[in-house]
């Protein structure tokens, strides 16, 4: 089973098995105060635990960016607040929320707020799931939601862009299904390639890596070795270091003679697609998605919002949610043009090539810019308790304003409903009175 933050750990005999993460990982710590531990730090000093708590507090507050988007390609653009990703944030949960925001299925209020917390967003998503699926058991989706802060177990099939094997109870897939969000990937094997026959039988990532690990164990660690002159003969080598029984040979070659044994084909495919996207997969996504579709794309151990532009162009774009672009209003989407991001370009809300203000991150792709800001922020010290207090104070103020807004809206709705009930009651009473009131008889006319 593929873990949210990393693939299955190979055994010691298979230490060279290629490691491919299947989704983003975020470190989340438990908040423990000095009062809980009973240890009071010296003024001006910090402890590793307090530094970790402060970083966790900062990581769970995300800034909002205002963009323009057309939910109806034929209609006028509308303004939305999307969530940006800081540090190595929970890309899975952020992608889900941003898709729901652009579909106008959840709304962050008041519109003027500048940041949002996980607790606030999780309530919005939970309320949406309960209202959108009133007759469906949403317990699996709601249970998995807190785990999205750390990562998600996603096990893609190498032959179909919309299929993932469930992990555990399958809550991850239920969350996307019940939110009405299609989950896709482009980590597909070309049917014309020599690897296709093998991967069409192993089907998914977990099964493929398990076969690779098992074969390497059978060959006593000689199957998966670094590419070098000494290992040129690879697994087909037959010398005094080991011998294979017919059963072991069958496991290594999967019962079918081929230019490369099956496990080596698996390794070759995984190592040739480090971004978890192939050109065959990219073309398949472009052909399969409907114009105007908003879906969640699994790629490069990351989940992002994928949009297919309407019109003849029909290009694919990913939403630029990295916090480094928070103050770059012209950077809204990144065009998905190749598998490694080398030719990607940023565009604005009208899908016109962006002209960012520049600065330290000018010329970066989204991934390289995020890596650079993570490197810089990782070097910062979070030991100043004043930073933690300020972050909490700002978030509490935002939450208080939000509660006041919702309370005011509820009061207005209640007042409107009460006034409507009073008008309906009065109208009903008038109708009753008119029905039971005795009618006056007309007096006879007297002609003088």
Protein backbone atom coordinates (compact mmCIF):
# COMPACT_ATOMS: atom_id res chain seq x y z
CA UNK A 1 0.00 0.00 0.00
CA UNK A 2 1.43 3.38 -0.99
CA UNK A 3 1.86 5.74 1.94
CA UNK A 4 0.76 9.35 1.73
CA UNK A 5 4.22 10.71 2.19
CA UNK A 6 6.36 8.01 0.60
CA UNK A 7 6.11 4.71 -1.26
CA UNK A 8 6.62 1.36 0.44
CA UNK A 9 10.02 1.22 2.08
CA UNK A 10 12.19 -1.41 0.41
CA UNK A 11 13.86 -4.14 2.39
CA UNK A 12 17.56 -4.02 3.10
CA UNK A 13 18.20 -6.34 0.16
CA UNK A 14 16.35 -3.90 -2.12
CA UNK A 15 17.91 -0.69 -0.96
CA UNK A 16 18.35 0.49 -4.51
CA UNK A 17 14.68 0.26 -5.46
CA UNK A 18 13.69 3.64 -6.95
CA UNK A 19 11.74 5.69 -4.44
CA UNK A 20 8.80 7.67 -5.79
CA UNK A 21 6.61 9.67 -3.43
CA UNK A 22 2.96 9.61 -4.28
CA UNK A 23 1.79 12.80 -2.64
CA UNK A 24 2.96 15.76 -0.70
CA UNK A 25 3.89 15.44 2.95
CA UNK A 26 3.41 18.09 5.57
CA UNK A 27 4.83 17.89 9.06
CA UNK A 28 2.18 18.52 11.67
CA UNK A 29 3.02 18.63 15.35
CA UNK A 30 0.87 18.53 18.45
CA UNK A 31 0.60 21.83 20.26
CA UNK A 32 2.00 21.49 23.73
CA UNK A 33 2.36 24.55 25.89
CA UNK A 34 4.88 25.20 28.64
CA UNK A 35 2.05 24.87 31.15
CA UNK A 36 1.43 21.31 29.96
CA UNK A 37 5.05 20.22 30.30
CA UNK A 38 5.69 22.17 33.45
CA UNK A 39 8.96 23.54 32.06
CA UNK A 40 9.26 27.27 31.65
CA UNK A 41 11.88 28.43 29.11
CA UNK A 42 14.11 31.35 29.93
CA UNK A 43 12.96 34.73 28.57
CA UNK A 44 14.21 35.21 25.03
CA UNK A 45 15.05 31.53 24.63
CA UNK A 46 13.26 28.89 22.61
CA UNK A 47 13.00 25.13 22.74
CA UNK A 48 12.87 22.73 19.78
CA UNK A 49 9.28 21.90 20.71
CA UNK A 50 8.23 25.57 20.81
CA UNK A 51 9.95 26.22 17.47
CA UNK A 52 8.07 23.27 15.98
CA UNK A 53 4.78 24.48 17.43
CA UNK A 54 5.32 27.98 16.04
CA UNK A 55 6.15 26.64 12.58
CA UNK A 56 3.09 24.40 12.68
CA UNK A 57 0.93 27.36 13.70
CA UNK A 58 2.27 29.40 10.81
CA UNK A 59 1.88 26.53 8.34
CA UNK A 60 -1.82 26.13 9.15
CA UNK A 61 -2.62 29.76 8.32
CA UNK A 62 -2.81 30.31 4.56
CA UNK A 63 -2.97 33.61 2.73
CA UNK A 64 -5.71 34.37 0.21
CA UNK A 65 -5.17 35.78 -3.26
CA UNK A 66 -7.80 37.55 -5.32
CA UNK A 67 -8.13 36.39 -8.92
CA UNK A 68 -10.59 36.73 -11.79
CA UNK A 69 -12.21 33.64 -13.32
CA UNK A 70 -15.12 32.80 -15.61
CA UNK A 71 -17.16 29.92 -14.15
CA UNK A 72 -19.21 30.17 -17.35
CA UNK A 73 -16.88 30.61 -20.35
CA UNK A 74 -19.58 32.65 -22.09
CA UNK A 75 -20.31 34.83 -19.07
CA UNK A 76 -18.47 37.73 -17.46
CA UNK A 77 -15.48 37.15 -15.17
CA UNK A 78 -16.02 37.08 -11.42
CA UNK A 79 -13.70 37.74 -8.50
CA UNK A 80 -12.64 34.90 -6.19
CA UNK A 81 -10.32 34.47 -3.24
CA UNK A 82 -8.16 31.37 -3.71
CA UNK A 83 -5.94 29.73 -1.09
CA UNK A 84 -2.18 29.90 -1.56
CA UNK A 85 0.22 27.23 -0.38
CA UNK A 86 2.96 28.08 2.09
CA UNK A 87 5.97 25.98 3.07
CA UNK A 88 5.13 22.41 2.03
CA UNK A 89 1.44 22.84 2.72
CA UNK A 90 -1.39 20.30 2.41
CA UNK A 91 -1.71 20.50 -1.37
CA UNK A 92 -4.47 17.86 -1.43
CA UNK A 93 -6.82 19.81 0.84
CA UNK A 94 -5.94 23.17 -0.74
CA UNK A 95 -6.68 21.81 -4.23
CA UNK A 96 -10.08 20.49 -3.09
CA UNK A 97 -10.99 23.84 -1.51
CA UNK A 98 -9.87 25.90 -4.51
CA UNK A 99 -11.93 23.78 -6.91
CA UNK A 100 -15.01 24.17 -4.69
CA UNK A 101 -14.36 27.93 -4.50
CA UNK A 102 -14.08 28.34 -8.29
CA UNK A 103 -17.26 26.27 -8.68
CA UNK A 104 -18.96 28.57 -6.15
CA UNK A 105 -19.83 25.60 -3.95
CA UNK A 106 -18.11 27.09 -0.91
CA UNK A 107 -17.37 30.74 -0.20
CA UNK A 108 -14.86 32.35 2.13
CA UNK A 109 -16.46 35.26 3.94
CA UNK A 110 -16.08 38.10 4.43
CA UNK A 111 -14.47 38.68 1.05
CA UNK A 112 -12.05 41.18 2.56
CA UNK A 113 -10.29 38.64 4.77
CA UNK A 114 -6.65 38.03 3.90
CA UNK A 115 -5.94 34.64 5.49
CA UNK A 116 -7.73 31.48 6.50
CA UNK A 117 -7.06 28.52 8.79
CA UNK A 118 -7.51 24.79 8.34
CA UNK A 119 -10.24 24.71 11.02
CA UNK A 120 -12.28 27.33 9.16
CA UNK A 121 -11.92 25.59 5.80
CA UNK A 122 -12.62 22.12 7.16
CA UNK A 123 -15.94 23.35 8.57
CA UNK A 124 -16.87 24.82 5.17
CA UNK A 125 -16.02 21.59 3.34
CA UNK A 126 -17.79 19.42 5.93
CA UNK A 127 -20.95 21.54 5.69
CA UNK A 128 -20.82 21.30 1.91
CA UNK A 129 -20.44 17.50 1.96
CA UNK A 130 -23.34 17.10 4.36
CA UNK A 131 -25.62 19.39 2.34
CA UNK A 132 -24.57 18.01 -1.08
CA UNK A 133 -24.90 14.34 -0.01
CA UNK A 134 -27.79 14.31 2.50
CA UNK A 135 -28.65 10.65 1.91
CA UNK A 136 -25.08 9.36 1.59
CA UNK A 137 -22.77 8.11 4.34
CA UNK A 138 -20.01 10.72 4.40
CA UNK A 139 -18.22 9.34 7.46
CA UNK A 140 -15.23 7.99 5.47
CA UNK A 141 -14.70 11.31 3.68
CA UNK A 142 -15.05 13.35 6.88
CA UNK A 143 -12.72 11.02 8.78
CA UNK A 144 -9.94 11.29 6.21
CA UNK A 145 -10.13 15.09 5.99
CA UNK A 146 -7.77 15.84 8.93
CA UNK A 147 -5.19 13.49 7.41
CA UNK A 148 -5.01 15.67 4.30
CA UNK A 149 -2.81 18.04 6.32
CA UNK A 150 -0.07 15.39 6.21
CA UNK A 151 -0.74 13.80 2.83
CA UNK A 152 -2.95 11.29 1.10
CA UNK A 153 -2.60 7.65 0.03
CA UNK A 154 -3.01 7.70 -3.74
CA UNK A 155 -2.12 4.64 -5.81
CA UNK A 156 -2.50 5.43 -9.54
CA UNK A 157 -3.05 2.87 -12.27
CA UNK A 158 -0.55 3.24 -15.10
CA UNK A 159 -3.12 2.48 -17.81
CA UNK A 160 -6.12 4.70 -17.00
CA UNK A 161 -5.92 8.46 -16.19
CA UNK A 162 -8.93 8.49 -13.86
CA UNK A 163 -8.32 5.33 -11.82
CA UNK A 164 -6.66 5.06 -8.42
CA UNK A 165 -6.67 2.07 -6.12
CA UNK A 166 -8.18 2.78 -2.70
CA UNK A 167 -5.87 2.78 0.31
CA UNK A 168 -7.16 1.52 3.65
CA UNK A 169 -10.86 2.23 3.90
CA UNK A 170 -10.70 4.27 0.71
CA UNK A 171 -11.60 7.52 2.46
CA UNK A 172 -9.30 9.51 0.19
CA UNK A 173 -11.23 8.53 -2.92
CA UNK A 174 -14.56 9.01 -1.11
CA UNK A 175 -13.58 12.58 -0.27
CA UNK A 176 -13.10 13.42 -3.96
CA UNK A 177 -16.14 11.42 -5.05
CA UNK A 178 -18.55 13.02 -2.58
CA UNK A 179 -17.14 16.49 -3.23
CA UNK A 180 -17.88 15.89 -6.93
CA UNK A 181 -14.24 16.40 -7.91
CA UNK A 182 -12.63 14.23 -10.57
CA UNK A 183 -9.15 13.01 -9.63
CA UNK A 184 -6.82 12.44 -12.61
CA UNK A 185 -3.17 11.73 -13.37
CA UNK A 186 -0.97 11.54 -16.44
CA UNK A 187 1.47 8.86 -15.22
CA UNK A 188 0.48 6.57 -18.09
CA UNK A 189 2.45 3.99 -20.01
CA UNK A 190 2.34 4.21 -23.80
CA UNK A 191 0.60 1.11 -25.25
CA UNK A 192 3.28 0.98 -27.96
CA UNK A 193 6.15 0.83 -25.45
CA UNK A 194 7.85 -2.41 -24.32
CA UNK A 195 6.86 -1.68 -20.71
CA UNK A 196 3.14 -1.71 -21.48
CA UNK A 197 2.69 -5.48 -21.37
CA UNK A 198 4.26 -5.68 -17.91
CA UNK A 199 2.52 -2.65 -16.43
CA UNK A 200 -0.85 -3.63 -17.85
CA UNK A 201 -0.59 -6.75 -15.65
CA UNK A 202 0.77 -5.15 -12.48
CA UNK A 203 -1.57 -2.19 -13.22
CA UNK A 204 -0.85 0.13 -10.28
CA UNK A 205 2.17 1.70 -8.62
CA UNK A 206 2.03 -0.36 -5.41
CA UNK A 207 1.82 -3.71 -7.20
CA UNK A 208 4.63 -2.74 -9.57
CA UNK A 209 7.00 -1.71 -6.81
CA UNK A 210 6.11 -4.79 -4.76
CA UNK A 211 7.10 -6.98 -7.70
CA UNK A 212 10.32 -5.03 -8.06
CA UNK A 213 11.15 -5.45 -4.37
CA UNK A 214 10.30 -9.16 -4.40
CA UNK A 215 12.44 -9.83 -7.47
CA UNK A 216 15.37 -7.96 -5.95
CA UNK A 217 15.00 -10.02 -2.78
CA UNK A 218 14.97 -13.25 -4.80
CA UNK A 219 18.21 -12.25 -6.55
CA UNK A 220 19.80 -11.32 -3.23
CA UNK A 221 19.95 -7.63 -4.03
CA UNK A 222 21.48 -8.10 -7.47
CA UNK A 223 18.43 -7.12 -9.54
CA UNK A 224 18.16 -3.44 -8.76
CA UNK A 225 21.67 -2.06 -8.84
CA UNK A 226 23.04 1.32 -9.90
CA UNK A 227 23.75 1.63 -13.60
CA UNK A 228 27.49 1.12 -14.04
CA UNK A 229 29.95 -0.89 -16.06
CA UNK A 230 30.25 -3.43 -13.25
CA UNK A 231 26.48 -4.02 -13.34
CA UNK A 232 26.10 -3.98 -17.09
CA UNK A 233 24.89 -7.55 -17.19
CA UNK A 234 22.21 -6.75 -14.61
CA UNK A 235 19.77 -9.45 -13.48
CA UNK A 236 20.48 -11.75 -16.41
CA UNK A 237 23.98 -12.39 -15.07
CA UNK A 238 24.69 -15.99 -14.10
CA UNK A 239 27.82 -16.46 -12.01
CA UNK A 240 28.89 -17.97 -8.74
CA UNK A 241 27.33 -15.21 -6.62
CA UNK A 242 23.85 -16.71 -6.83
CA UNK A 243 21.73 -19.23 -8.73
CA UNK A 244 18.02 -19.09 -9.39
CA UNK A 245 15.56 -21.92 -9.18
CA UNK A 246 12.96 -22.19 -11.95
CA UNK A 247 10.38 -20.64 -9.60
CA UNK A 248 12.71 -17.76 -8.81
CA UNK A 249 13.46 -17.32 -12.49
CA UNK A 250 9.72 -17.18 -13.17
CA UNK A 251 9.29 -14.44 -10.56
CA UNK A 252 12.13 -12.43 -12.04
CA UNK A 253 11.04 -12.77 -15.66
CA UNK A 254 7.31 -13.05 -14.89
CA UNK A 255 7.08 -16.21 -17.00
CA UNK A 256 7.70 -14.46 -20.31
CA UNK A 257 11.01 -14.05 -22.13
CA UNK A 258 11.60 -10.43 -23.11
CA UNK A 259 14.48 -8.07 -23.90
CA UNK A 260 14.38 -7.01 -20.24
CA UNK A 261 12.94 -8.95 -17.31
CA UNK A 262 9.66 -7.52 -16.06
CA UNK A 263 11.03 -5.95 -12.86
CA UNK A 264 13.68 -4.09 -14.82
CA UNK A 265 11.02 -2.78 -17.18
CA UNK A 266 9.11 -1.48 -14.17
CA UNK A 267 12.23 0.19 -12.88
CA UNK A 268 12.96 1.66 -16.30
CA UNK A 269 9.44 3.17 -16.54
CA UNK A 270 9.51 4.67 -13.03
CA UNK A 271 12.97 6.16 -13.47
CA UNK A 272 12.11 7.58 -16.90
CA UNK A 273 9.11 9.50 -15.50
CA UNK A 274 10.37 11.19 -12.30
CA UNK A 275 7.70 13.91 -12.53
CA UNK A 276 4.99 11.19 -12.55
CA UNK A 277 3.81 12.48 -15.93
CA UNK A 278 4.48 11.10 -19.41
CA UNK A 279 3.88 12.67 -22.80
CA UNK A 280 1.38 9.94 -23.58
CA UNK A 281 -0.39 10.80 -20.32
CA UNK A 282 -0.31 14.53 -21.09
CA UNK A 283 -1.89 14.00 -24.52
CA UNK A 284 -4.45 11.60 -23.05
CA UNK A 285 -5.53 14.19 -20.46
CA UNK A 286 -5.81 16.90 -23.11
CA UNK A 287 -8.06 14.67 -25.21
CA UNK A 288 -10.15 13.25 -22.37
CA UNK A 289 -11.08 16.40 -20.42
CA UNK A 290 -14.05 18.51 -21.41
CA UNK A 291 -13.45 22.24 -22.10
CA UNK A 292 -13.99 24.23 -18.93
CA UNK A 293 -13.35 21.22 -16.68
CA UNK A 294 -11.84 21.80 -13.22
CA UNK A 295 -10.20 18.64 -11.86
CA UNK A 296 -7.55 17.63 -9.32
CA UNK A 297 -4.28 16.58 -10.98
CA UNK A 298 -1.85 14.20 -9.28
CA UNK A 299 1.64 14.98 -10.51
CA UNK A 300 5.14 15.17 -9.08
CA UNK A 301 4.02 14.12 -5.58
CA UNK A 302 1.58 17.02 -5.59
CA UNK A 303 -2.10 17.71 -6.16
CA UNK A 304 -3.03 20.82 -8.11
CA UNK A 305 -6.07 22.34 -9.79
CA UNK A 306 -6.11 21.48 -13.50
CA UNK A 307 -8.25 23.47 -15.91
CA UNK A 308 -8.90 22.87 -19.60
CA UNK A 309 -9.44 26.13 -21.39
CA UNK A 310 -12.49 26.40 -23.66
CA UNK A 311 -12.19 27.15 -27.33
CA UNK A 312 -10.10 25.74 -30.14
CA UNK A 313 -6.88 25.97 -28.15
CA UNK A 314 -8.05 23.65 -25.38
CA UNK A 315 -4.76 24.03 -23.50
CA UNK A 316 -4.24 22.64 -20.00
CA UNK A 317 -3.43 24.96 -17.11
CA UNK A 318 -2.65 24.45 -13.44
CA UNK A 319 -3.67 27.05 -10.87
CA UNK A 320 -0.63 28.94 -9.54
CA UNK A 321 -1.22 28.67 -5.79
CA UNK A 322 2.36 28.97 -4.54
CA UNK A 323 2.61 31.72 -1.96
CA UNK A 324 5.58 33.22 -3.79
CA UNK A 325 3.05 34.58 -6.31
CA UNK A 326 0.75 36.07 -3.67
CA UNK A 327 1.56 39.63 -4.75
CA UNK A 328 1.84 38.89 -8.48
CA UNK A 329 -1.72 39.57 -9.74
CA UNK A 330 -0.75 38.73 -13.33
CA UNK A 331 0.36 35.19 -12.40
CA UNK A 332 -2.81 33.09 -12.11
CA UNK A 333 -2.26 29.94 -14.18
CA UNK A 334 0.71 27.93 -15.42
CA UNK A 335 0.40 26.38 -18.85
CA UNK A 336 1.12 22.65 -18.82
CA UNK A 337 3.17 22.15 -21.99
CA UNK A 338 5.72 19.46 -21.16
CA UNK A 339 6.36 16.79 -18.55
CA UNK A 340 9.14 18.46 -16.57
CA UNK A 341 8.04 22.11 -16.48
CA UNK A 342 10.93 23.35 -18.60
CA UNK A 343 8.69 25.00 -21.20
CA UNK A 344 5.86 26.03 -18.89
CA UNK A 345 4.72 29.64 -19.00
CA UNK A 346 2.63 31.72 -16.60
CA UNK A 347 -0.54 33.44 -17.77
CA UNK A 348 -3.05 35.85 -16.26
CA UNK A 349 -6.79 35.48 -15.75
CA UNK A 350 -7.39 35.97 -19.46
CA UNK A 351 -4.79 33.28 -20.27
CA UNK A 352 -2.46 35.89 -21.73
CA UNK A 353 1.25 35.48 -21.02
CA UNK A 354 1.96 37.04 -17.64
CA UNK A 355 4.16 40.06 -17.04
CA UNK A 356 5.09 39.71 -13.38
CA UNK A 357 6.75 42.53 -11.50
CA UNK A 358 9.84 40.36 -11.17
CA UNK A 359 12.17 40.22 -8.23
CA UNK A 360 14.00 37.35 -6.63
CA UNK A 361 11.83 34.75 -8.36
CA UNK A 362 11.67 36.15 -11.89
CA UNK A 363 12.22 33.43 -14.46
CA UNK A 364 11.35 30.59 -12.10
CA UNK A 365 8.75 27.97 -12.88
CA UNK A 366 6.14 27.41 -10.18
CA UNK A 367 7.97 24.38 -8.82
CA UNK A 368 11.42 25.97 -8.78
CA UNK A 369 10.06 29.16 -7.22
CA UNK A 370 8.35 27.19 -4.47
CA UNK A 371 11.54 25.20 -3.85
CA UNK A 372 13.48 28.44 -3.52
CA UNK A 373 11.08 30.03 -1.05
CA UNK A 374 11.01 26.82 0.98
CA UNK A 375 14.80 26.87 1.11
CA UNK A 376 14.80 30.45 2.34
CA UNK A 377 11.98 30.07 4.86
CA UNK A 378 13.54 26.88 6.15
CA UNK A 379 16.56 28.93 7.20
CA UNK A 380 14.48 31.34 9.26
CA UNK A 381 14.28 31.03 13.02
CA UNK A 382 10.84 30.58 14.54
CA UNK A 383 12.15 31.03 18.06
CA UNK A 384 10.60 34.42 18.70
CA UNK A 385 7.39 33.83 20.63
CA UNK A 386 6.12 37.24 19.52
CA UNK A 387 5.74 35.85 15.98
CA UNK A 388 3.53 33.06 17.26
CA UNK A 389 1.41 35.46 19.30
CA UNK A 390 0.98 37.78 16.33
CA UNK A 391 0.00 34.93 14.00
CA UNK A 392 -2.58 33.67 16.47
CA UNK A 393 -3.92 37.17 17.13
CA UNK A 394 -4.37 37.87 13.42
CA UNK A 395 -6.14 34.57 12.87
CA UNK A 396 -8.39 35.07 15.90
CA UNK A 397 -9.37 38.51 14.57
CA UNK A 398 -10.18 37.02 11.17
CA UNK A 399 -12.23 34.24 12.74
CA UNK A 400 -14.07 36.73 14.97
CA UNK A 401 -14.99 38.88 11.98
CA UNK A 402 -16.14 35.79 10.14
CA UNK A 403 -18.34 34.67 13.06
CA UNK A 404 -19.83 38.15 13.33
CA UNK A 405 -20.57 38.18 9.59
CA UNK A 406 -22.32 34.80 9.70
CA UNK A 407 -24.22 35.75 12.87
CA UNK A 408 -25.42 38.98 11.24
CA UNK A 409 -26.48 37.09 8.14
CA UNK A 410 -28.37 34.55 10.28
CA UNK A 411 -30.15 37.34 12.17
CA UNK A 412 -31.17 39.01 8.92
CA UNK A 413 -32.48 35.73 7.57
CA UNK A 414 -34.45 35.08 10.77
CA UNK A 415 -35.93 38.59 10.69
CA UNK A 416 -36.92 38.15 7.06
CA UNK A 417 -38.51 34.78 7.75
CA UNK A 418 -40.37 36.17 10.77
CA UNK A 419 -41.68 39.10 8.73
CA UNK A 420 -42.81 36.71 5.99
CA UNK A 421 -44.57 34.51 8.55
CA UNK A 422 -46.32 37.56 10.01
CA UNK A 423 -47.45 38.72 6.55
CA UNK A 424 -48.68 35.24 5.70
CA UNK A 425 -50.54 35.01 9.01
CA UNK A 426 -52.15 38.42 8.49
CA UNK A 427 -53.20 37.51 4.95
CA UNK A 428 -54.65 34.25 6.21
CA UNK A 429 -56.60 36.02 8.94
CA UNK A 430 -57.99 38.51 6.43
CA UNK A 431 -59.11 35.65 4.21
CA UNK A 432 -60.77 33.91 7.17
CA UNK A 433 -62.50 37.09 8.26
CA UNK A 434 -63.77 37.71 4.75
CA UNK A 435 -65.10 34.18 4.56
CA UNK A 436 -67.00 34.16 7.87
CA UNK A 437 -68.19 37.78 7.95
CA UNK A 438 -71.98 37.89 7.17
CA UNK A 439 -72.76 39.64 3.93
CA UNK A 440 -75.09 42.68 4.02
CA UNK A 441 -78.38 42.32 2.15
CA UNK A 442 -79.11 44.98 -0.35
CA UNK A 443 -82.18 46.99 0.60
CA UNK A 444 -85.03 47.02 -1.79
CA UNK A 445 -85.08 49.95 -4.13
CA UNK A 446 -87.92 52.44 -3.49
CA UNK A 447 -89.13 54.39 -6.43
CA UNK A 448 -90.62 57.61 -5.40
